[in-house]
Structures are given as C-alpha cells and as structure tokens.
C-alpha atoms as a PDB file:
ATOM      1  CA  MET A   1     106.958  39.266-128.184  1.00  0.00           C
ATOM      2  CA  PRO A   2     104.491  40.264-130.941  1.00  0.00           C
ATOM      3  CA  ARG A   3     105.924  41.511-134.229  1.00  0.00           C
ATOM      4  CA  ALA A   4     104.202  44.867-133.914  1.00  0.00           C
ATOM      5  CA  PHE A   5     105.442  45.491-130.372  1.00  0.00           C
ATOM      6  CA  GLY A   6     107.895  48.067-131.719  1.00  0.00           C
ATOM      7  CA  LEU A   7     104.951  50.124-132.927  1.00  0.00           C
ATOM      8  CA  VAL A   8     103.300  49.858-129.532  1.00  0.00           C
ATOM      9  CA  ALA A   9     106.454  51.129-127.874  1.00  0.00           C
ATOM     10  CA  LEU A  10     106.921  53.873-130.439  1.00  0.00           C
ATOM     11  CA  VAL A  11     103.391  55.199-130.223  1.00  0.00           C
ATOM     12  CA  ASN A  12     103.208  55.013-126.438  1.00  0.00           C
ATOM     13  CA  VAL A  13     106.604  56.444-125.617  1.00  0.00           C
ATOM     14  CA  ILE A  14     106.774  59.125-128.299  1.00  0.00           C
ATOM     15  CA  GLY A  15     103.069  59.987-128.331  1.00  0.00           C
ATOM     16  CA  ALA A  16     102.852  60.285-124.563  1.00  0.00           C
ATOM     17  CA  SER A  17     106.087  62.283-124.468  1.00  0.00           C
ATOM     18  CA  PHE A  18     104.707  64.804-126.945  1.00  0.00           C
ATOM     19  CA  THR A  19     101.621  65.141-124.765  1.00  0.00           C
ATOM     20  CA  VAL A  20     103.726  65.982-121.702  1.00  0.00           C
ATOM     21  CA  VAL A  21     105.769  68.490-123.717  1.00  0.00           C
ATOM     22  CA  ALA A  22     102.585  70.112-125.071  1.00  0.00           C
ATOM     23  CA  LEU A  23     101.275  70.482-121.530  1.00  0.00           C
ATOM     24  CA  SER A  24     104.535  72.125-120.465  1.00  0.00           C
ATOM     25  CA  PHE A  25     104.124  74.679-123.265  1.00  0.00           C
ATOM     26  CA  LYS A  26     100.614  75.393-121.974  1.00  0.00           C
ATOM     27  CA  VAL A  27     102.057  76.061-118.522  1.00  0.00           C
ATOM     28  CA  GLY A  28     104.619  78.442-120.033  1.00  0.00           C
ATOM     29  CA  LYS A  29     101.899  80.325-121.893  1.00  0.00           C
ATOM     30  CA  ALA A  30      99.747  80.448-118.758  1.00  0.00           C
ATOM     31  CA  ARG A  31     102.698  81.876-116.807  1.00  0.00           C
ATOM     32  CA  LYS A  32     102.872  84.775-119.266  1.00  0.00           C
ATOM     33  CA  ASP A  33      99.106  85.265-119.460  1.00  0.00           C
ATOM     34  CA  TYR A  34      98.487  85.196-115.714  1.00  0.00           C
ATOM     35  CA  GLY A  35     101.751  86.784-114.526  1.00  0.00           C
ATOM     36  CA  VAL A  36     103.144  83.910-112.473  1.00  0.00           C
ATOM     37  CA  ASP A  37     106.935  84.036-112.604  1.00  0.00           C
ATOM     38  CA  LEU A  38     109.334  81.181-112.027  1.00  0.00           C
ATOM     39  CA  PRO A  39     110.254  79.599-109.599  1.00  0.00           C
ATOM     40  CA  THR A  40     106.718  79.932-108.189  1.00  0.00           C
ATOM     41  CA  MET A  41     104.973  76.587-108.703  1.00  0.00           C
ATOM     42  CA  TYR A  42     101.396  77.673-107.998  1.00  0.00           C
ATOM     43  CA  ALA A  43      99.726  81.062-107.899  1.00  0.00           C
ATOM     44  CA  THR A  44      98.557  82.346-104.541  1.00  0.00           C
ATOM     45  CA  GLY A  45      95.140  83.855-104.028  1.00  0.00           C
ATOM     46  CA  LYS A  46      91.593  82.964-104.931  1.00  0.00           C
ATOM     47  CA  ASP A  47      91.067  85.336-107.865  1.00  0.00           C
ATOM     48  CA  ALA A  48      90.060  83.960-111.284  1.00  0.00           C
ATOM     49  CA  LYS A  49      93.559  84.298-112.787  1.00  0.00           C
ATOM     50  CA  SER A  50      95.180  82.366-109.948  1.00  0.00           C
ATOM     51  CA  VAL A  51      92.592  79.606-110.131  1.00  0.00           C
ATOM     52  CA  LYS A  52      92.953  79.277-113.923  1.00  0.00           C
ATOM     53  CA  PHE A  53      96.735  79.144-113.748  1.00  0.00           C
ATOM     54  CA  ASN A  54      96.640  76.580-110.951  1.00  0.00           C
ATOM     55  CA  CYS A  55      94.317  74.393-113.049  1.00  0.00           C
ATOM     56  CA  VAL A  56      96.761  74.418-115.976  1.00  0.00           C
ATOM     57  CA  GLN A  57      99.730  73.760-113.692  1.00  0.00           C
ATOM     58  CA  ARG A  58      97.938  70.964-111.844  1.00  0.00           C
ATOM     59  CA  GLY A  59      97.010  69.298-115.134  1.00  0.00           C
ATOM     60  CA  HIS A  60     100.658  69.222-116.141  1.00  0.00           C
ATOM     61  CA  GLN A  61     101.722  67.929-112.732  1.00  0.00           C
ATOM     62  CA  GLN A  62      99.095  65.182-112.874  1.00  0.00           C
ATOM     63  CA  ALA A  63     100.422  64.079-116.259  1.00  0.00           C
ATOM     64  CA  LEU A  64     103.976  63.956-114.882  1.00  0.00           C
ATOM     65  CA  GLU A  65     102.859  61.958-111.852  1.00  0.00           C
ATOM     66  CA  THR A  66     101.041  59.303-113.891  1.00  0.00           C
ATOM     67  CA  PHE A  67     103.410  59.187-116.891  1.00  0.00           C
ATOM     68  CA  PRO A  68     105.696  56.357-115.660  1.00  0.00           C
ATOM     69  CA  MET A  69     102.779  54.155-114.596  1.00  0.00           C
ATOM     70  CA  PHE A  70     100.999  54.791-117.901  1.00  0.00           C
ATOM     71  CA  LEU A  71     104.078  53.841-119.903  1.00  0.00           C
ATOM     72  CA  ALA A  72     104.652  50.683-117.909  1.00  0.00           C
ATOM     73  CA  ALA A  73     101.021  49.593-118.174  1.00  0.00           C
ATOM     74  CA  SER A  74     100.774  50.323-121.884  1.00  0.00           C
ATOM     75  CA  LEU A  75     104.017  48.505-122.705  1.00  0.00           C
ATOM     76  CA  VAL A  76     102.939  45.471-120.676  1.00  0.00           C
ATOM     77  CA  GLY A  77      99.518  45.639-122.306  1.00  0.00           C
ATOM     78  CA  GLY A  78     101.138  45.712-125.725  1.00  0.00           C
ATOM     79  CA  VAL A  79     102.710  42.309-125.095  1.00  0.00           C
END
C-alpha cells in the first residue's frame, strides 16, 4: 500500500460525495423552479420546463448509478 493512499481515499470518497450532494441540491432547486413536487421522480410532458427538470434529475440519477463503480475503480487505481 503506498504511503499516500490515505489521501487517495480521502479525496475520492469525500470529493465524490460532495459532488453527489451538490447534485441533489440542484434537483431540489429545480423542483422549486419547475414545480415538480415529491414524490414525483420525473416530470411528465414535453414542455421546456419538464425537459429541463428531467435533465437535472437524470444527471443526479446517473451520478448515483455510477458512484459505487467510480469509487471502487479509483481506490483500486490509487494502489
């Protein structure tokens, strides 16, 4: 194990976690801006507001889907 592996773990786990949290705040703001209430996951319709909200929501979902694989790959790569 390299001496600086702790820094690799710290940056990857904490940095990536802050990114996911920041994206969740963007979804919350988009919910207010575009009028999509919980528990609705995606907006229905093809109007501009629905499409914009769905893009923000999908970005957050994509980050959540790839987060575990990213962490595993970056921690293995750090070794």
